Amino acid sequence: MELSIVQKIAVFALPVLFAITLHEAAHGYVARHFGDMTAYAAGRISLNPLRHIDLVGTIIVPLVSLFVADILFGWAKPVPVNFANLRHPKKDMLWVAAAGPFSNLMMSLGWAVALKLGAGLAPGNPAAAWLILVGACGIFVNVIFMVLNLLPLPPLDGGRIAVSLLPHRLAWKFAQIERFGFMILIVLLFTGLLGMILWPLINLSISGIGALFGFSPHDLFRLI
């Protein structure tokens, strides 16, 4: 299904807001569970999207990347986490970092359920068309956010997971990459290398979800 730019914005808006909001809230919630109250004190353990939206990273960059580079790329306001406040900083960092991508995995499964519900309704039903289209977009958005954030590059979640798992000396050296991480991502995005890295992983993830719910990546991409 070929959508206009306005239609794409309309159907992607809700999944993107949920994907970002719950991703960031999950980081704060798990940090609080392991002893750091920084995000809680800042009001960032919230389902209010306005607390997490960054005008450039959440709205402008995703739109530009989607229509120019054919990949959804963006960010929200980072949830403040003081890892020193965690009960076991190096070990607990893994769970705090993994909470965001895990929330995206759960949301992608939830949107897959919505898609299947829509497919089960009578053809021509407006609710069916909406559920199918938004469900497909929700799967796509959350899989991209999950895969992107799991890249082992600080300050992405995958980078923090790697820091947690590496021996102390290597972890400290690897963490120094964080100051250049954003610049590296931008270069990868606009040279096309980011898409080359992400698309095989995105297709693999969607194939796994599709195997559970009875659709293929081709079926999903045809809808959006």
Protein backbone atom coordinates (compact mmCIF):
# COMPACT_ATOMS: atom_id res chain seq x y z
CA MET A 1 0.00 0.00 0.00
CA GLU A 2 1.48 3.31 -1.13
CA LEU A 3 0.85 6.01 1.46
CA SER A 4 1.20 9.75 0.99
CA ILE A 5 3.55 11.68 3.27
CA VAL A 6 0.60 13.00 5.30
CA GLN A 7 -0.84 9.48 5.69
CA LYS A 8 2.55 8.11 6.75
CA ILE A 9 2.90 10.79 9.40
CA ALA A 10 -0.64 10.09 10.65
CA VAL A 11 -0.21 6.33 11.03
CA PHE A 12 3.35 6.46 12.35
CA ALA A 13 2.67 9.15 14.96
CA LEU A 14 0.96 6.94 17.57
CA PRO A 15 3.42 4.01 17.36
CA VAL A 16 6.41 6.39 17.50
CA LEU A 17 5.05 8.21 20.57
CA PHE A 18 4.39 4.94 22.39
CA ALA A 19 7.73 3.45 21.34
CA ILE A 20 9.70 6.41 22.66
CA THR A 21 7.62 7.08 25.78
CA LEU A 22 7.55 3.52 27.09
CA HIS A 23 11.19 2.94 26.13
CA GLU A 24 12.36 5.89 28.22
CA ALA A 25 9.96 5.24 31.10
CA ALA A 26 11.21 1.63 31.23
CA HIS A 27 14.79 2.82 31.77
CA GLY A 28 13.66 5.03 34.66
CA TYR A 29 11.47 2.37 36.22
CA VAL A 30 14.21 -0.28 36.22
CA ALA A 31 16.78 2.24 37.51
CA ARG A 32 14.44 3.00 40.42
CA HIS A 33 14.00 -0.73 41.05
CA PHE A 34 17.79 -1.10 41.38
CA GLY A 35 18.20 1.89 43.67
CA ASP A 36 18.61 5.04 41.55
CA MET A 37 15.82 7.59 42.12
CA THR A 38 17.20 10.21 39.69
CA ALA A 39 14.64 9.64 36.92
CA TYR A 40 11.82 9.36 39.45
CA ALA A 41 12.78 12.65 41.09
CA ALA A 42 12.89 14.32 37.65
CA GLY A 43 9.39 13.07 36.80
CA ARG A 44 10.67 10.92 33.94
CA ILE A 45 8.99 7.66 35.00
CA SER A 46 5.90 8.83 33.17
CA LEU A 47 3.65 7.77 30.30
CA ASN A 48 3.22 11.43 29.33
CA PRO A 49 4.99 11.74 25.94
CA LEU A 50 5.64 15.44 26.50
CA ARG A 51 8.12 14.54 29.26
CA HIS A 52 10.23 12.54 26.80
CA ILE A 53 9.88 14.29 23.44
CA ASP A 54 12.84 16.14 21.99
CA LEU A 55 11.77 18.47 19.15
CA VAL A 56 14.77 17.68 16.97
CA GLY A 57 15.40 14.03 17.86
CA THR A 58 11.81 12.84 18.23
CA ILE A 59 10.09 14.77 15.44
CA ILE A 60 12.37 16.40 12.89
CA VAL A 61 15.15 13.80 12.54
CA PRO A 62 12.81 10.75 12.30
CA LEU A 63 10.79 12.44 9.54
CA VAL A 64 13.89 13.44 7.60
CA SER A 65 15.58 10.04 8.02
CA LEU A 66 12.42 8.13 7.06
CA PHE A 67 11.88 10.00 3.81
CA VAL A 68 15.50 10.71 2.87
CA ALA A 69 17.51 7.73 4.12
CA ASP A 70 14.61 5.20 4.22
CA ILE A 71 15.36 4.30 7.85
CA LEU A 72 13.63 5.51 10.98
CA PHE A 73 16.21 7.18 13.19
CA GLY A 74 15.72 9.44 16.17
CA TRP A 75 15.98 9.85 19.90
CA ALA A 76 14.14 11.20 22.93
CA LYS A 77 15.37 13.16 25.92
CA PRO A 78 17.65 10.70 27.70
CA VAL A 79 16.30 9.50 31.03
CA PRO A 80 18.75 10.66 33.72
CA VAL A 81 20.37 7.70 35.44
CA ASN A 82 23.12 7.96 38.03
CA PHE A 83 24.72 4.54 37.75
CA ALA A 84 26.71 5.18 40.93
CA ASN A 85 23.41 5.05 42.84
CA LEU A 86 22.61 1.53 41.64
CA ARG A 87 23.13 -1.16 44.24
CA HIS A 88 25.60 -2.98 41.96
CA PRO A 89 26.47 -0.31 39.36
CA LYS A 90 28.26 -2.38 36.72
CA LYS A 91 25.93 -5.37 36.93
CA ASP A 92 22.68 -3.41 37.29
CA MET A 93 23.61 -1.16 34.34
CA LEU A 94 22.83 -4.11 32.06
CA TRP A 95 19.22 -4.36 33.27
CA VAL A 96 18.65 -0.60 33.15
CA ALA A 97 19.99 -0.44 29.57
CA ALA A 98 18.14 -3.56 28.39
CA ALA A 99 14.79 -2.31 29.73
CA GLY A 100 14.31 0.08 26.81
CA PRO A 101 14.81 -2.40 23.93
CA PHE A 102 12.83 -5.02 25.87
CA SER A 103 9.89 -2.60 26.08
CA ASN A 104 10.10 -2.16 22.30
CA LEU A 105 10.04 -5.94 21.83
CA MET A 106 6.91 -6.20 23.99
CA MET A 107 5.26 -3.34 22.09
CA SER A 108 6.06 -4.95 18.73
CA LEU A 109 4.29 -8.10 19.92
CA GLY A 110 1.35 -6.00 21.12
CA TRP A 111 1.07 -4.28 17.74
CA ALA A 112 1.24 -7.71 16.06
CA VAL A 113 -1.81 -8.72 18.11
CA ALA A 114 -3.58 -5.53 16.91
CA LEU A 115 -2.71 -6.39 13.32
CA LYS A 116 -4.11 -9.92 13.69
CA LEU A 117 -7.28 -8.58 15.31
CA GLY A 118 -7.74 -6.22 12.38
CA ALA A 119 -7.17 -9.03 9.90
CA GLY A 120 -9.87 -11.05 11.67
CA LEU A 121 -12.53 -8.38 11.22
CA ALA A 122 -14.82 -8.19 8.22
CA PRO A 123 -13.17 -6.75 5.07
CA GLY A 124 -14.14 -3.14 4.50
CA ASN A 125 -14.54 -2.43 8.20
CA PRO A 126 -12.80 0.92 8.91
CA ALA A 127 -11.59 -0.38 12.27
CA ALA A 128 -10.01 -3.37 10.53
CA ALA A 129 -8.09 -1.19 8.09
CA TRP A 130 -6.89 1.08 10.90
CA LEU A 131 -5.76 -1.79 13.13
CA ILE A 132 -3.92 -3.50 10.30
CA LEU A 133 -2.13 -0.36 9.14
CA VAL A 134 -1.22 1.03 12.57
CA GLY A 135 -0.33 -2.47 13.80
CA ALA A 136 2.09 -2.90 10.89
CA CYS A 137 3.63 0.51 11.56
CA GLY A 138 3.88 -0.31 15.28
CA ILE A 139 5.78 -3.51 14.60
CA PHE A 140 8.09 -1.76 12.15
CA VAL A 141 8.82 1.20 14.44
CA ASN A 142 9.47 -0.85 17.56
CA VAL A 143 11.68 -3.38 15.80
CA ILE A 144 13.79 -0.54 14.40
CA PHE A 145 14.07 1.14 17.81
CA MET A 146 14.96 -2.19 19.43
CA VAL A 147 17.61 -3.14 16.88
CA LEU A 148 19.09 0.37 16.70
CA ASN A 149 19.37 0.69 20.46
CA LEU A 150 20.99 -2.74 20.78
CA LEU A 151 23.93 -1.74 18.58
CA PRO A 152 27.06 -2.05 20.78
CA LEU A 153 27.93 1.62 20.55
CA PRO A 154 27.85 3.93 23.57
CA PRO A 155 25.67 5.84 24.39
CA LEU A 156 23.13 3.42 22.86
CA ASP A 157 21.67 0.79 25.17
CA GLY A 158 23.71 -1.92 23.47
CA GLY A 159 26.85 0.03 24.28
CA ARG A 160 25.92 0.20 27.95
CA ILE A 161 25.12 -3.51 27.94
CA ALA A 162 28.58 -4.16 26.49
CA VAL A 163 30.19 -1.98 29.16
CA SER A 164 28.35 -3.98 31.81
CA LEU A 165 29.55 -7.31 30.40
CA LEU A 166 33.18 -6.43 29.59
CA PRO A 167 35.97 -6.82 32.16
CA HIS A 168 36.60 -3.61 34.11
CA ARG A 169 39.66 -2.40 32.17
CA LEU A 170 38.11 -3.07 28.76
CA ALA A 171 34.78 -1.64 29.92
CA TRP A 172 36.42 1.64 30.94
CA LYS A 173 38.21 1.96 27.59
CA PHE A 174 35.10 1.05 25.61
CA ALA A 175 33.01 3.60 27.53
CA GLN A 176 35.31 6.37 26.28
CA ILE A 177 33.74 5.96 22.83
CA GLU A 178 30.55 7.56 24.19
CA ARG A 179 31.77 11.12 23.56
CA PHE A 180 31.97 10.27 19.83
CA GLY A 181 28.97 7.93 19.66
CA PHE A 182 26.44 10.42 18.34
CA MET A 183 28.78 11.66 15.62
CA ILE A 184 29.52 8.07 14.58
CA LEU A 185 25.79 7.36 14.28
CA ILE A 186 25.16 10.43 12.13
CA VAL A 187 28.02 9.48 9.80
CA LEU A 188 26.73 5.91 9.54
CA LEU A 189 23.20 7.19 8.83
CA PHE A 190 24.06 9.56 6.00
CA THR A 191 26.64 7.28 4.37
CA GLY A 192 24.06 4.49 4.20
CA LEU A 193 26.16 2.19 6.39
CA LEU A 194 23.63 2.30 9.23
CA GLY A 195 20.93 0.92 6.97
CA MET A 196 23.27 -1.80 5.72
CA ILE A 197 23.92 -2.85 9.32
CA LEU A 198 20.34 -2.58 10.55
CA TRP A 199 18.19 -3.94 7.71
CA PRO A 200 19.32 -7.61 7.95
CA LEU A 201 18.70 -7.51 11.71
CA ILE A 202 15.35 -5.77 11.23
CA ASN A 203 14.25 -8.36 8.67
CA LEU A 204 15.37 -11.18 10.95
CA SER A 205 13.43 -9.74 13.89
CA ILE A 206 10.28 -9.17 11.85
CA SER A 207 10.59 -12.70 10.47
CA GLY A 208 10.65 -14.03 14.03
CA ILE A 209 7.56 -12.04 15.02
CA GLY A 210 5.87 -12.99 11.76
CA ALA A 211 6.50 -16.68 12.45
CA LEU A 212 4.50 -16.30 15.68
CA PHE A 213 1.62 -14.39 14.10
CA GLY A 214 1.48 -15.72 10.56
CA PHE A 215 2.92 -13.00 8.33
CA SER A 216 6.18 -12.38 6.49
CA PRO A 217 8.36 -9.26 6.31
CA HIS A 218 7.10 -8.86 2.73
CA ASP A 219 3.49 -8.78 3.98
CA LEU A 220 4.40 -6.13 6.55
CA PHE A 221 6.35 -3.87 4.19
CA ARG A 222 3.57 -4.13 1.60
CA LEU A 223 1.17 -2.59 4.13
CA ILE A 224 3.36 0.42 4.93
